[in-house]
Amino acid sequence: MKTKIKSIIVTFLICSVSYSVLADNDPEIDSLSMGSGYANDIFYSFETGEVAAIERENWEIAFFTSGFSVGIITNGGIGIRLYNYPNGDTSNWNSIDTTGFLNWKLLFNSTATWEEGAFNRNALGHPDYGWGIYNMNNHHIVGDSLFILDSPFSGLKKLWIVEKDAVQNIYRFRYANLDGTDLQEVELNISEYTDKRFIYYSLDDNQVTDREPDSDRWDILFTKYWELVPNNEGDFSPYIVTGVLSNVDITSNEFYPVGPDFMDWDSKPMDSIINNIGYDWKILTPEFSWEIKDSNYYFIRNYAGSIYKMWFEWWGGSSTGDFSFYKQMVGTVSVNEFHTSQESLLVFPNPATNYLTIKTPEGLEGIFEIFLYDQNGRKVLSRVLSENDLKNNIHISNLNLPGGFYIVTLTGDNYTRSQSLIIR
């Protein structure tokens, strides 16, 4: 049985950020359904509830709509597998050899940031964005790589993101069967869809799919996606999970184990990593039923600056896709002040191997210090950086760090942000 939580009015100032804790705001339970087999994505707002439940099987690739973004994702929830063609460049379009392709490295979307899609996973840092190279003269990103996409609906396709005109916000790409038949050449004007996070495309139907609510109408997404999951060998393997991903710049933190009356959401930084809520708040028992992890609570700040406490109540499994959770508005943050000192920190690629790139809010100035902690809390990296240093890649390959979970913390004048990181 869940205990209803009461709070008192408290207002205080930390790092020039104004917080208010609300009084007498009782929890509400919300019951939703992703449908049998988790067939639907649910876009959800903590203020208004379910915004939309959308079929997931009507797209295979999607493009981040910002004009100066190059993020391209795949529909991992339906089992899309993407591989970078290793045997040549775009000049090999007519001579693709897929012998042994199942042994090629699988590319899947980052679960740290939406902008690092499966097509971007081999990025080396500016000007190399994984699928193409930025041309500073005409602001085009020119595709230099071929990809093999394995879809349960359209089968094996070869695919080439030919270019993006960043000024006009137009993508040009082509795809075909491996033997070159059914060639499709597409010009997609993204500028028509900038009120969405992504615009989607079906290779099976050869058409654009406008399936997403406006980007400012939802906070979190209940969906299926590829995630790195611990395996029996002490490493991580990609696996399709069902869980929660957050919208861009929606920040959250997790507390475990804590009691039901826990309200100290400001006691550690909120993180903009999109899988902060993720999938592992539920546990599959040996009897193949689901249990909710006890004493596990999340706090989420939405775009209005309201703080919501969230905890899961029940998960019904794939036969129905039904589930329920509690939410409780527990505080507010002065949004203008919040953006000054607590804006998002993005660290990518994630997982990382050789280097890190730090993305911070515009306008931050001064001297910063970056720390890297292992899962035992040991500091394995400490470095002083200027704002100009943050524009460069931070190389970590010389640290000889073992693979596993780490925490990156960046501190500056009235600024402290952390993000979890996997190092391979």
Protein backbone atom coordinates (compact mmCIF):
# COMPACT_ATOMS: atom_id res chain seq x y z
CA MET A 1 0.00 0.00 0.00
CA LYS A 2 1.34 3.43 -0.91
CA THR A 3 1.41 6.21 1.65
CA LYS A 4 0.05 9.60 0.70
CA ILE A 5 2.73 12.22 1.17
CA LYS A 6 2.31 15.68 2.65
CA SER A 7 4.86 18.50 2.48
CA ILE A 8 5.38 21.94 3.95
CA ILE A 9 6.06 25.29 2.33
CA VAL A 10 9.80 25.92 2.14
CA THR A 11 11.62 28.44 -0.03
CA PHE A 12 15.40 28.57 -0.18
CA LEU A 13 18.26 29.60 -2.45
CA ILE A 14 21.07 27.35 -3.68
CA CYS A 15 23.57 28.56 -6.30
CA SER A 16 21.20 31.47 -7.08
CA VAL A 17 18.36 29.08 -7.96
CA SER A 18 15.01 29.61 -6.25
CA TYR A 19 13.10 26.49 -5.15
CA SER A 20 9.62 26.18 -3.69
CA VAL A 21 8.27 23.01 -2.09
CA LEU A 22 4.50 22.66 -2.27
CA ALA A 23 2.15 21.81 0.56
CA ASP A 24 -0.80 19.38 0.69
CA ASN A 25 -0.38 18.16 -2.86
CA ASP A 26 -1.51 14.54 -2.82
CA PRO A 27 -0.16 11.89 -5.24
CA GLU A 28 -2.25 10.91 -8.26
CA ILE A 29 -2.19 7.50 -9.90
CA ASP A 30 -2.18 7.26 -13.68
CA SER A 31 -2.95 4.02 -15.54
CA LEU A 32 -1.83 3.69 -19.16
CA SER A 33 -1.46 0.99 -21.79
CA MET A 34 1.12 0.54 -24.55
CA GLY A 35 -1.04 -2.24 -25.98
CA SER A 36 -0.32 -5.90 -26.51
CA GLY A 37 3.36 -6.47 -27.26
CA TYR A 38 4.03 -2.85 -26.23
CA ALA A 39 2.91 -1.88 -29.74
CA ASN A 40 2.44 1.84 -29.06
CA ASP A 41 4.64 4.71 -27.98
CA ILE A 42 3.04 6.90 -25.30
CA PHE A 43 3.99 10.58 -25.20
CA TYR A 44 3.22 11.84 -21.70
CA SER A 45 2.96 15.21 -19.94
CA PHE A 46 3.06 15.44 -16.15
CA GLU A 47 0.67 18.39 -16.35
CA THR A 48 -1.95 16.98 -18.75
CA GLY A 49 -1.40 13.19 -18.71
CA GLU A 50 -1.26 11.09 -21.87
CA VAL A 51 -0.72 13.30 -24.92
CA ALA A 52 -0.75 10.59 -27.59
CA ALA A 53 -0.46 6.82 -28.01
CA ILE A 54 1.08 6.22 -31.43
CA GLU A 55 1.71 3.00 -33.33
CA ARG A 56 5.44 2.24 -33.42
CA GLU A 57 5.64 0.06 -36.55
CA ASN A 58 5.10 2.81 -39.12
CA TRP A 59 8.68 4.09 -39.45
CA GLU A 60 12.28 2.92 -39.71
CA ILE A 61 14.46 6.05 -39.62
CA ALA A 62 13.88 9.57 -38.26
CA PHE A 63 15.62 12.94 -38.49
CA PHE A 64 16.14 15.43 -35.66
CA THR A 65 14.41 18.57 -36.90
CA SER A 66 16.77 21.32 -35.69
CA GLY A 67 18.44 23.03 -38.63
CA PHE A 68 21.94 22.60 -37.24
CA SER A 69 21.47 19.09 -35.95
CA VAL A 70 22.69 16.05 -37.86
CA GLY A 71 21.06 13.44 -35.64
CA ILE A 72 19.44 10.49 -37.43
CA ILE A 73 17.91 7.66 -35.40
CA THR A 74 16.57 4.19 -36.17
CA ASN A 75 13.47 2.47 -34.82
CA GLY A 76 15.20 0.12 -32.40
CA GLY A 77 11.90 -0.77 -30.78
CA ILE A 78 10.88 -2.86 -33.79
CA GLY A 79 14.27 -4.53 -34.02
CA ILE A 80 15.91 -2.37 -36.70
CA ARG A 81 19.58 -3.28 -37.11
CA LEU A 82 21.96 -0.79 -38.71
CA TYR A 83 25.52 -1.50 -39.86
CA ASN A 84 28.16 0.84 -41.28
CA TYR A 85 29.47 -0.71 -44.52
CA PRO A 86 33.13 -1.51 -43.72
CA ASN A 87 34.36 -2.55 -47.17
CA GLY A 88 34.37 0.79 -48.95
CA ASP A 89 32.98 4.31 -49.19
CA THR A 90 30.14 5.85 -51.19
CA SER A 91 31.93 5.02 -54.45
CA ASN A 92 30.99 1.40 -53.72
CA TRP A 93 27.24 2.05 -53.90
CA ASN A 94 26.88 -0.27 -56.91
CA SER A 95 29.14 -3.02 -55.57
CA ILE A 96 27.99 -3.77 -52.03
CA ASP A 97 29.34 -7.01 -50.56
CA THR A 98 27.45 -8.04 -47.40
CA THR A 99 29.28 -11.31 -46.77
CA GLY A 100 29.35 -11.83 -42.99
CA PHE A 101 27.41 -8.62 -42.27
CA LEU A 102 25.84 -10.09 -39.10
CA ASN A 103 29.32 -9.95 -37.58
CA TRP A 104 29.67 -6.25 -38.31
CA LYS A 105 29.31 -3.80 -35.42
CA LEU A 106 25.66 -3.06 -34.64
CA LEU A 107 24.82 0.65 -34.53
CA PHE A 108 21.97 1.84 -32.33
CA ASN A 109 20.74 5.13 -30.89
CA SER A 110 22.44 6.65 -27.88
CA THR A 111 20.38 6.63 -24.70
CA ALA A 112 22.18 9.73 -23.42
CA THR A 113 21.00 12.27 -26.00
CA TRP A 114 18.50 12.21 -28.86
CA GLU A 115 20.96 13.89 -31.23
CA GLU A 116 23.37 10.95 -31.26
CA GLY A 117 21.39 8.55 -33.38
CA ALA A 118 22.48 5.20 -34.77
CA PHE A 119 23.79 6.90 -37.92
CA ASN A 120 26.01 9.13 -35.76
CA ARG A 121 27.63 6.43 -33.60
CA ASN A 122 30.91 6.41 -35.56
CA ALA A 123 31.32 10.18 -35.29
CA LEU A 124 34.86 11.36 -34.58
CA GLY A 125 33.90 14.84 -33.46
CA HIS A 126 33.47 17.99 -35.54
CA PRO A 127 33.53 18.01 -38.55
CA ASP A 128 32.91 14.22 -38.70
CA TYR A 129 29.35 13.37 -37.66
CA GLY A 130 29.35 9.65 -38.36
CA TRP A 131 27.40 9.56 -41.61
CA GLY A 132 28.97 12.68 -43.15
CA ILE A 133 31.52 15.50 -43.01
CA TYR A 134 30.66 19.17 -42.45
CA ASN A 135 31.68 21.56 -45.22
CA MET A 136 32.29 24.99 -43.69
CA ASN A 137 32.04 26.75 -47.06
CA ASN A 138 28.45 25.86 -47.95
CA HIS A 139 27.24 24.47 -44.58
CA HIS A 140 26.37 21.11 -46.09
CA ILE A 141 27.08 17.83 -44.35
CA VAL A 142 28.23 15.53 -47.13
CA GLY A 143 27.62 11.80 -46.71
CA ASP A 144 30.82 9.75 -46.78
CA SER A 145 29.48 6.40 -45.54
CA LEU A 146 27.18 3.63 -46.70
CA PHE A 147 24.90 1.71 -44.36
CA ILE A 148 23.09 -1.61 -44.38
CA LEU A 149 19.71 -1.50 -42.66
CA ASP A 150 17.95 -4.72 -41.68
CA SER A 151 14.23 -4.17 -41.14
CA PRO A 152 11.54 -6.70 -40.19
CA PHE A 153 9.27 -5.00 -42.73
CA SER A 154 11.37 -3.85 -45.68
CA GLY A 155 14.18 -6.42 -45.34
CA LEU A 156 17.80 -5.62 -46.16
CA LYS A 157 18.42 -2.20 -47.68
CA LYS A 158 21.53 -0.28 -48.59
CA LEU A 159 21.27 3.36 -47.57
CA TRP A 160 23.27 6.51 -48.23
CA ILE A 161 22.58 9.82 -46.51
CA VAL A 162 23.83 11.88 -49.44
CA GLU A 163 23.85 15.29 -47.76
CA LYS A 164 22.12 17.75 -45.51
CA ASP A 165 21.77 21.38 -46.50
CA ALA A 166 21.92 22.89 -43.00
CA VAL A 167 20.85 26.36 -44.17
CA GLN A 168 17.69 25.12 -45.89
CA ASN A 169 17.26 22.22 -43.43
CA ILE A 170 16.88 19.69 -46.24
CA TYR A 171 18.10 16.09 -46.27
CA ARG A 172 18.81 14.14 -49.44
CA PHE A 173 19.19 10.39 -49.15
CA ARG A 174 18.84 7.25 -51.23
CA TYR A 175 18.12 3.62 -50.49
CA ALA A 176 17.57 0.43 -52.47
CA ASN A 177 17.57 -3.33 -52.25
CA LEU A 178 21.09 -4.77 -52.04
CA ASP A 179 21.03 -5.60 -55.75
CA GLY A 180 20.13 -1.99 -56.61
CA THR A 181 16.49 -2.60 -57.45
CA ASP A 182 13.67 -0.42 -56.09
CA LEU A 183 15.96 2.60 -55.87
CA GLN A 184 14.42 5.53 -54.01
CA GLU A 185 15.94 9.03 -53.98
CA VAL A 186 14.38 11.33 -51.41
CA GLU A 187 14.56 15.05 -50.72
CA LEU A 188 13.09 15.74 -47.30
CA ASN A 189 12.43 19.32 -46.22
CA ILE A 190 12.80 19.19 -42.43
CA SER A 191 11.92 22.89 -42.00
CA GLU A 192 8.24 21.98 -42.32
CA TYR A 193 8.39 19.94 -39.11
CA THR A 194 10.46 21.97 -36.63
CA ASP A 195 7.60 22.00 -34.11
CA LYS A 196 8.43 18.28 -33.60
CA ARG A 197 11.59 16.66 -32.25
CA PHE A 198 11.75 14.23 -35.17
CA ILE A 199 10.20 13.64 -38.53
CA TYR A 200 9.91 9.94 -39.41
CA TYR A 201 10.29 7.97 -42.61
CA SER A 202 9.11 4.51 -43.66
CA LEU A 203 11.40 2.67 -46.07
CA ASP A 204 8.69 0.04 -46.42
CA ASP A 205 6.04 2.52 -47.59
CA ASN A 206 8.45 5.05 -49.11
CA GLN A 207 6.81 7.93 -47.31
CA VAL A 208 7.14 10.51 -44.55
CA THR A 209 5.32 9.74 -41.30
CA ASP A 210 4.34 12.73 -39.16
CA ARG A 211 3.53 10.82 -35.96
CA GLU A 212 4.79 12.88 -33.05
CA PRO A 213 3.03 15.56 -30.94
CA ASP A 214 4.57 19.03 -30.78
CA SER A 215 7.85 18.93 -28.88
CA ASP A 216 6.72 21.24 -26.05
CA ARG A 217 3.62 19.15 -25.26
CA TRP A 218 5.31 16.09 -23.74
CA ASP A 219 7.87 15.39 -21.02
CA ILE A 220 8.59 11.65 -21.24
CA LEU A 221 8.09 8.81 -23.71
CA PHE A 222 7.14 5.22 -22.86
CA THR A 223 8.72 3.16 -25.63
CA LYS A 224 10.95 0.24 -26.69
CA TYR A 225 14.60 0.87 -27.55
CA TRP A 226 18.06 -0.69 -27.74
CA GLU A 227 19.94 -0.44 -24.44
CA LEU A 228 23.27 -1.76 -23.20
CA VAL A 229 22.39 -4.33 -20.55
CA PRO A 230 24.86 -6.12 -18.23
CA ASN A 231 25.58 -9.66 -19.40
CA ASN A 232 26.92 -12.80 -17.71
CA GLU A 233 30.50 -12.02 -18.79
CA GLY A 234 30.63 -8.79 -16.77
CA ASP A 235 30.30 -6.65 -19.90
CA PHE A 236 27.35 -5.01 -21.67
CA SER A 237 25.33 -6.26 -24.62
CA PRO A 238 22.69 -4.44 -26.70
CA TYR A 239 19.17 -5.62 -25.87
CA ILE A 240 15.72 -4.26 -26.68
CA VAL A 241 14.04 -3.02 -23.49
CA THR A 242 10.77 -1.29 -22.64
CA GLY A 243 11.07 1.83 -20.56
CA VAL A 244 11.04 5.62 -20.35
CA LEU A 245 13.04 8.22 -22.29
CA SER A 246 12.85 11.95 -21.50
CA ASN A 247 12.28 14.81 -23.90
CA VAL A 248 15.13 17.20 -24.72
CA ASP A 249 16.19 19.29 -21.69
CA ILE A 250 13.74 17.56 -19.35
CA THR A 251 15.93 16.91 -16.31
CA SER A 252 15.52 14.32 -13.59
CA ASN A 253 17.26 12.45 -10.80
CA GLU A 254 16.76 9.10 -9.10
CA PHE A 255 16.88 8.15 -5.41
CA TYR A 256 17.21 4.57 -4.23
CA PRO A 257 16.63 3.28 -1.64
CA VAL A 258 14.60 5.96 0.12
CA GLY A 259 11.34 5.99 2.05
CA PRO A 260 7.97 7.13 0.68
CA ASP A 261 8.22 10.47 2.51
CA PHE A 262 11.51 11.40 0.83
CA MET A 263 11.35 14.93 -0.61
CA ASP A 264 14.97 16.11 -0.83
CA TRP A 265 14.98 16.17 -4.63
CA ASP A 266 17.45 19.08 -4.69
CA SER A 267 20.11 17.12 -2.75
CA LYS A 268 21.81 16.01 -5.98
CA PRO A 269 21.91 17.51 -9.47
CA MET A 270 19.25 16.78 -12.03
CA ASP A 271 20.50 15.17 -15.21
CA SER A 272 19.36 15.64 -18.81
CA ILE A 273 20.45 12.17 -19.93
CA ILE A 274 17.37 10.82 -21.69
CA ASN A 275 17.35 7.33 -20.11
CA ASN A 276 17.66 8.57 -16.54
CA ILE A 277 14.34 6.87 -15.72
CA GLY A 278 15.05 4.08 -18.18
CA TYR A 279 13.83 0.50 -17.83
CA ASP A 280 15.32 -1.09 -14.69
CA TRP A 281 12.70 0.09 -12.16
CA LYS A 282 10.98 -3.25 -12.87
CA ILE A 283 12.34 -6.75 -12.30
CA LEU A 284 11.43 -9.98 -14.10
CA THR A 285 11.04 -12.73 -11.50
CA PRO A 286 12.05 -16.41 -12.02
CA GLU A 287 8.31 -17.09 -12.43
CA PHE A 288 8.26 -14.65 -15.40
CA SER A 289 6.11 -12.04 -13.69
CA TRP A 290 7.05 -8.44 -13.12
CA GLU A 291 7.82 -6.75 -9.82
CA ILE A 292 8.42 -3.05 -9.25
CA LYS A 293 11.71 -2.20 -7.54
CA ASP A 294 10.79 -1.01 -4.07
CA SER A 295 11.92 2.31 -2.54
CA ASN A 296 12.81 3.74 -5.96
CA TYR A 297 11.71 7.33 -6.70
CA TYR A 298 12.30 9.82 -9.52
CA PHE A 299 12.02 13.59 -9.56
CA ILE A 300 11.45 15.29 -12.91
CA ARG A 301 11.52 18.99 -13.84
CA ASN A 302 9.24 19.83 -16.76
CA TYR A 303 9.51 22.81 -19.12
CA ALA A 304 7.34 24.98 -16.86
CA GLY A 305 9.81 24.49 -14.00
CA SER A 306 7.51 22.24 -11.95
CA ILE A 307 9.06 19.35 -10.05
CA TYR A 308 7.17 16.05 -10.09
CA LYS A 309 7.86 13.02 -7.96
CA MET A 310 7.23 9.75 -9.79
CA TRP A 311 7.19 6.13 -8.70
CA PHE A 312 5.87 3.02 -10.41
CA GLU A 313 3.01 1.00 -8.95
CA TRP A 314 2.44 -1.89 -11.36
CA TRP A 315 3.71 -3.36 -14.64
CA GLY A 316 1.48 -5.87 -16.42
CA GLY A 317 3.87 -7.21 -19.06
CA SER A 318 3.67 -7.57 -22.82
CA SER A 319 0.35 -9.46 -22.96
CA THR A 320 -1.54 -6.23 -22.30
CA GLY A 321 1.08 -3.49 -22.05
CA ASP A 322 -0.86 -2.07 -19.08
CA PHE A 323 0.96 -0.27 -16.25
CA SER A 324 0.44 2.37 -13.58
CA PHE A 325 2.51 4.88 -11.65
CA TYR A 326 2.10 7.67 -9.14
CA LYS A 327 2.97 11.30 -9.74
CA GLN A 328 3.00 14.18 -7.32
CA MET A 329 3.83 17.82 -7.96
CA VAL A 330 6.25 18.60 -5.14
CA GLY A 331 7.91 21.87 -6.08
CA THR A 332 8.72 24.57 -8.56
CA VAL A 333 11.94 26.10 -9.81
CA SER A 334 12.37 29.66 -11.02
CA VAL A 335 12.98 28.80 -14.65
CA ASN A 336 15.08 31.84 -15.56
CA GLU A 337 17.39 31.29 -12.63
CA PHE A 338 17.43 27.57 -13.26
CA HIS A 339 18.67 28.02 -16.81
CA THR A 340 21.48 30.23 -15.52
CA SER A 341 23.10 27.62 -13.31
CA GLN A 342 21.49 24.21 -13.83
CA GLU A 343 21.07 23.91 -17.59
CA SER A 344 21.71 20.62 -19.35
CA LEU A 345 25.09 18.97 -19.61
CA LEU A 346 25.59 16.53 -22.48
CA VAL A 347 28.56 14.20 -22.65
CA PHE A 348 28.94 12.09 -25.77
CA PRO A 349 29.61 9.66 -27.36
CA ASN A 350 28.00 7.42 -24.77
CA PRO A 351 29.28 4.68 -24.59
CA ALA A 352 32.74 6.23 -25.05
CA THR A 353 36.03 4.62 -26.01
CA ASN A 354 38.67 7.14 -27.02
CA TYR A 355 37.35 10.62 -26.28
CA LEU A 356 34.58 12.71 -24.74
CA THR A 357 32.83 15.79 -26.08
CA ILE A 358 31.21 18.17 -23.59
CA LYS A 359 28.18 20.23 -24.60
CA THR A 360 27.15 23.00 -22.18
CA PRO A 361 24.61 25.85 -22.40
CA GLU A 362 25.60 28.87 -24.44
CA GLY A 363 26.87 31.83 -22.46
CA LEU A 364 28.77 29.95 -19.77
CA GLU A 365 32.13 31.60 -19.17
CA GLY A 366 35.11 31.22 -16.90
CA ILE A 367 37.19 28.32 -15.68
CA PHE A 368 35.69 24.85 -15.27
CA GLU A 369 36.87 21.63 -13.70
CA ILE A 370 35.90 18.22 -15.01
CA PHE A 371 35.93 15.12 -12.82
CA LEU A 372 35.43 11.49 -13.79
CA TYR A 373 34.44 9.00 -11.07
CA ASP A 374 34.23 5.23 -11.35
CA GLN A 375 31.31 3.22 -9.95
CA ASN A 376 33.10 2.95 -6.58
CA GLY A 377 33.33 6.73 -6.27
CA ARG A 378 37.06 6.90 -7.01
CA LYS A 379 38.21 9.98 -8.92
CA VAL A 380 40.01 8.79 -12.07
CA LEU A 381 40.27 12.11 -13.91
CA SER A 382 40.52 15.75 -12.83
CA ARG A 383 41.22 18.51 -15.31
CA VAL A 384 40.89 22.32 -15.38
CA LEU A 385 39.30 23.69 -18.55
CA SER A 386 38.38 27.06 -20.02
CA GLU A 387 35.22 27.57 -22.06
CA ASN A 388 37.38 27.32 -25.19
CA ASP A 389 38.74 23.96 -24.00
CA LEU A 390 35.17 22.65 -23.82
CA LYS A 391 34.93 22.97 -27.61
CA ASN A 392 37.62 20.32 -28.05
CA ASN A 393 37.49 16.56 -27.56
CA ILE A 394 38.79 15.26 -24.23
CA HIS A 395 40.85 12.16 -24.88
CA ILE A 396 40.50 9.30 -22.39
CA SER A 397 42.12 6.38 -24.23
CA ASN A 398 45.45 7.09 -22.49
CA LEU A 399 43.83 6.57 -19.08
CA ASN A 400 43.48 2.80 -19.70
CA LEU A 401 40.16 2.74 -17.85
CA PRO A 402 38.32 -0.58 -17.48
CA GLY A 403 34.92 -0.76 -19.14
CA GLY A 404 31.93 0.05 -16.96
CA PHE A 405 29.78 2.84 -15.51
CA TYR A 406 31.27 6.25 -14.66
CA ILE A 407 30.00 9.68 -13.59
CA VAL A 408 31.18 12.86 -15.33
CA THR A 409 30.87 16.05 -13.23
CA LEU A 410 31.54 19.55 -14.58
CA THR A 411 31.82 22.42 -12.10
CA GLY A 412 32.19 26.16 -12.58
CA ASP A 413 31.01 29.44 -11.12
CA ASN A 414 27.46 28.66 -9.86
CA TYR A 415 27.37 25.62 -12.15
CA THR A 416 27.54 21.94 -11.26
CA ARG A 417 26.15 19.24 -13.51
CA SER A 418 26.68 15.48 -13.71
CA GLN A 419 25.93 12.79 -16.25
CA SER A 420 26.35 9.04 -16.18
CA LEU A 421 28.66 7.52 -18.78
CA ILE A 422 29.57 4.06 -20.04
CA ILE A 423 33.18 3.47 -21.08
CA ARG A 424 33.99 0.49 -23.22
